[in-house]
Amino acid sequence: MDRERIAEMFAAFGAIDVRRMFGGVGIYADGTMFALGYDDSVYLKADDLTREAFEREGQGPFTYDTRTGRHALTSYWRIPDRLHDDPDELARWAAAALAAARRAQAQKSRKRRR
């Protein structure tokens, strides 16, 4: 998925920055990565407060293959296909993903201070 398509998808959400990473792209808002794009799919940051919405939609976490097998990155979940055509709903999901990413950052900061 190219940068222009991603920017178009998230236009209702607001300004984003798309950066190359590991064969895909990281999607950032205000310097915080809240989504990733890989092989024409978009995955949003999820946590205990947001994961259930993805599960209700029948979505799964980001997975990738390595030499030792398939691995899942359970902190990023695939967006439902219907969101590709509903920018306002995608913006709501993106806002929830950004909030999840910020909670994760805050938790890491608390752990470092200890």
C-alpha atoms as a PDB file:
ATOM      1  CA  MET A   1       0.000   0.000   0.000  1.00  0.00           C
ATOM      2  CA  ASP A   2       1.527   3.327  -1.014  1.00  0.00           C
ATOM      3  CA  ARG A   3       1.787   6.506   1.031  1.00  0.00           C
ATOM      4  CA  GLU A   4      -0.811   8.368  -1.010  1.00  0.00           C
ATOM      5  CA  ARG A   5      -3.431   5.658  -0.483  1.00  0.00           C
ATOM      6  CA  ILE A   6      -2.699   5.561   3.253  1.00  0.00           C
ATOM      7  CA  ALA A   7      -2.912   9.362   3.535  1.00  0.00           C
ATOM      8  CA  GLU A   8      -6.220   9.267   1.653  1.00  0.00           C
ATOM      9  CA  MET A   9      -7.577   6.549   3.945  1.00  0.00           C
ATOM     10  CA  PHE A  10      -6.710   8.530   7.085  1.00  0.00           C
ATOM     11  CA  ALA A  11      -7.689  11.998   5.786  1.00  0.00           C
ATOM     12  CA  ALA A  12     -10.739  12.193   8.082  1.00  0.00           C
ATOM     13  CA  PHE A  13      -8.502  11.286  11.046  1.00  0.00           C
ATOM     14  CA  GLY A  14      -6.011  14.085  10.476  1.00  0.00           C
ATOM     15  CA  ALA A  15      -2.354  14.572   9.707  1.00  0.00           C
ATOM     16  CA  ILE A  16      -0.237  11.440   9.623  1.00  0.00           C
ATOM     17  CA  ASP A  17       3.350  10.595   8.782  1.00  0.00           C
ATOM     18  CA  VAL A  18       4.156   7.385   6.890  1.00  0.00           C
ATOM     19  CA  ARG A  19       7.654   5.921   7.368  1.00  0.00           C
ATOM     20  CA  ARG A  20       9.233   2.862   5.770  1.00  0.00           C
ATOM     21  CA  MET A  21      10.057  -0.020   8.091  1.00  0.00           C
ATOM     22  CA  PHE A  22      10.779  -3.746   7.719  1.00  0.00           C
ATOM     23  CA  GLY A  23       9.193  -4.180   4.297  1.00  0.00           C
ATOM     24  CA  GLY A  24       6.110  -2.217   5.311  1.00  0.00           C
ATOM     25  CA  VAL A  25       5.340   1.211   6.718  1.00  0.00           C
ATOM     26  CA  GLY A  26       4.761   2.681  10.144  1.00  0.00           C
ATOM     27  CA  ILE A  27       1.900   5.167  10.403  1.00  0.00           C
ATOM     28  CA  TYR A  28       2.385   7.968  12.938  1.00  0.00           C
ATOM     29  CA  ALA A  29       0.340  10.806  14.400  1.00  0.00           C
ATOM     30  CA  ASP A  30       2.051  13.442  16.537  1.00  0.00           C
ATOM     31  CA  GLY A  31       5.222  11.336  16.575  1.00  0.00           C
ATOM     32  CA  THR A  32       3.460   8.220  17.903  1.00  0.00           C
ATOM     33  CA  MET A  33       3.167   5.070  15.808  1.00  0.00           C
ATOM     34  CA  PHE A  34      -0.443   3.911  15.945  1.00  0.00           C
ATOM     35  CA  ALA A  35      -0.704   1.757  12.820  1.00  0.00           C
ATOM     36  CA  LEU A  36       1.320  -0.196  10.323  1.00  0.00           C
ATOM     37  CA  GLY A  37       0.822  -1.069   6.700  1.00  0.00           C
ATOM     38  CA  TYR A  38       2.003  -4.305   5.164  1.00  0.00           C
ATOM     39  CA  ASP A  39       1.004  -6.117   1.942  1.00  0.00           C
ATOM     40  CA  ASP A  40      -2.070  -3.983   1.185  1.00  0.00           C
ATOM     41  CA  SER A  41      -3.371  -4.347   4.747  1.00  0.00           C
ATOM     42  CA  VAL A  42      -3.496  -1.854   7.587  1.00  0.00           C
ATOM     43  CA  TYR A  43      -3.143  -2.860  11.230  1.00  0.00           C
ATOM     44  CA  LEU A  44      -4.028  -0.599  14.152  1.00  0.00           C
ATOM     45  CA  LYS A  45      -2.479  -0.561  17.618  1.00  0.00           C
ATOM     46  CA  ALA A  46      -4.645  -2.493  20.061  1.00  0.00           C
ATOM     47  CA  ASP A  47      -4.601  -3.163  23.776  1.00  0.00           C
ATOM     48  CA  ASP A  48      -6.868  -4.671  26.402  1.00  0.00           C
ATOM     49  CA  LEU A  49      -9.330  -1.791  26.010  1.00  0.00           C
ATOM     50  CA  THR A  50      -9.637  -1.981  22.208  1.00  0.00           C
ATOM     51  CA  ARG A  51      -8.843  -5.571  21.188  1.00  0.00           C
ATOM     52  CA  GLU A  52     -12.419  -6.765  21.658  1.00  0.00           C
ATOM     53  CA  ALA A  53     -13.663  -4.533  18.812  1.00  0.00           C
ATOM     54  CA  PHE A  54     -11.275  -6.290  16.419  1.00  0.00           C
ATOM     55  CA  GLU A  55     -12.335  -9.703  17.691  1.00  0.00           C
ATOM     56  CA  ARG A  56     -16.032  -8.845  17.212  1.00  0.00           C
ATOM     57  CA  GLU A  57     -15.209  -7.992  13.592  1.00  0.00           C
ATOM     58  CA  GLY A  58     -13.433 -11.331  13.112  1.00  0.00           C
ATOM     59  CA  GLN A  59     -10.014  -9.736  12.674  1.00  0.00           C
ATOM     60  CA  GLY A  60      -6.663 -11.067  13.825  1.00  0.00           C
ATOM     61  CA  PRO A  61      -3.266  -9.735  14.814  1.00  0.00           C
ATOM     62  CA  PHE A  62      -0.441  -8.892  12.443  1.00  0.00           C
ATOM     63  CA  THR A  63       1.494 -12.042  11.548  1.00  0.00           C
ATOM     64  CA  TYR A  64       4.744 -12.518   9.699  1.00  0.00           C
ATOM     65  CA  ASP A  65       6.936 -15.411   8.644  1.00  0.00           C
ATOM     66  CA  THR A  66      10.499 -15.975   9.794  1.00  0.00           C
ATOM     67  CA  ARG A  67      12.979 -18.763   9.221  1.00  0.00           C
ATOM     68  CA  THR A  68      11.742 -20.428  12.403  1.00  0.00           C
ATOM     69  CA  GLY A  69       8.018 -20.154  11.632  1.00  0.00           C
ATOM     70  CA  ARG A  70       5.104 -17.769  11.792  1.00  0.00           C
ATOM     71  CA  HIS A  71       4.960 -15.121  14.499  1.00  0.00           C
ATOM     72  CA  ALA A  72       2.149 -12.818  15.636  1.00  0.00           C
ATOM     73  CA  LEU A  73       2.526  -9.255  16.828  1.00  0.00           C
ATOM     74  CA  THR A  74      -0.564  -9.115  19.025  1.00  0.00           C
ATOM     75  CA  SER A  75      -0.358  -5.376  19.647  1.00  0.00           C
ATOM     76  CA  TYR A  76      -1.441  -4.600  16.049  1.00  0.00           C
ATOM     77  CA  TRP A  77      -4.700  -5.928  14.565  1.00  0.00           C
ATOM     78  CA  ARG A  78      -5.987  -5.845  10.989  1.00  0.00           C
ATOM     79  CA  ILE A  79      -8.708  -3.322  10.278  1.00  0.00           C
ATOM     80  CA  PRO A  80     -12.062  -4.626   9.046  1.00  0.00           C
ATOM     81  CA  ASP A  81     -12.392  -4.334   5.261  1.00  0.00           C
ATOM     82  CA  ARG A  82     -15.477  -2.138   5.656  1.00  0.00           C
ATOM     83  CA  LEU A  83     -13.314   0.654   7.098  1.00  0.00           C
ATOM     84  CA  HIS A  84     -11.554   1.110   3.746  1.00  0.00           C
ATOM     85  CA  ASP A  85     -14.761   2.717   2.451  1.00  0.00           C
ATOM     86  CA  ASP A  86     -15.844   4.533   5.616  1.00  0.00           C
ATOM     87  CA  PRO A  87     -13.359   7.303   6.431  1.00  0.00           C
ATOM     88  CA  ASP A  88     -15.298   8.656   9.407  1.00  0.00           C
ATOM     89  CA  GLU A  89     -15.499   5.243  11.093  1.00  0.00           C
ATOM     90  CA  LEU A  90     -11.828   4.599  10.294  1.00  0.00           C
ATOM     91  CA  ALA A  91     -11.017   7.930  11.947  1.00  0.00           C
ATOM     92  CA  ARG A  92     -12.772   6.737  15.146  1.00  0.00           C
ATOM     93  CA  TRP A  93     -10.837   3.452  15.089  1.00  0.00           C
ATOM     94  CA  ALA A  94      -7.590   5.350  14.414  1.00  0.00           C
ATOM     95  CA  ALA A  95      -8.243   7.662  17.369  1.00  0.00           C
ATOM     96  CA  ALA A  96      -8.738   4.611  19.601  1.00  0.00           C
ATOM     97  CA  ALA A  97      -5.503   3.098  18.222  1.00  0.00           C
ATOM     98  CA  LEU A  98      -3.595   6.319  18.911  1.00  0.00           C
ATOM     99  CA  ALA A  99      -4.952   6.312  22.465  1.00  0.00           C
ATOM    100  CA  ALA A 100      -3.806   2.678  22.865  1.00  0.00           C
ATOM    101  CA  ALA A 101      -0.340   3.609  21.566  1.00  0.00           C
ATOM    102  CA  ARG A 102      -0.118   6.485  24.027  1.00  0.00           C
ATOM    103  CA  ARG A 103      -1.173   4.225  26.907  1.00  0.00           C
ATOM    104  CA  ALA A 104       1.570   1.776  25.907  1.00  0.00           C
ATOM    105  CA  GLN A 105       4.132   4.604  25.818  1.00  0.00           C
ATOM    106  CA  ALA A 106       3.042   5.830  29.240  1.00  0.00           C
ATOM    107  CA  GLN A 107       3.325   2.336  30.666  1.00  0.00           C
ATOM    108  CA  LYS A 108       6.860   1.964  29.262  1.00  0.00           C
ATOM    109  CA  SER A 109       7.824   5.337  30.753  1.00  0.00           C
ATOM    110  CA  ARG A 110       6.535   4.288  34.188  1.00  0.00           C
ATOM    111  CA  LYS A 111       8.532   1.057  34.018  1.00  0.00           C
ATOM    112  CA  ARG A 112      11.735   2.925  33.065  1.00  0.00           C
ATOM    113  CA  ARG A 113      11.378   5.310  36.012  1.00  0.00           C
ATOM    114  CA  ARG A 114      11.245   2.419  38.482  1.00  0.00           C
END
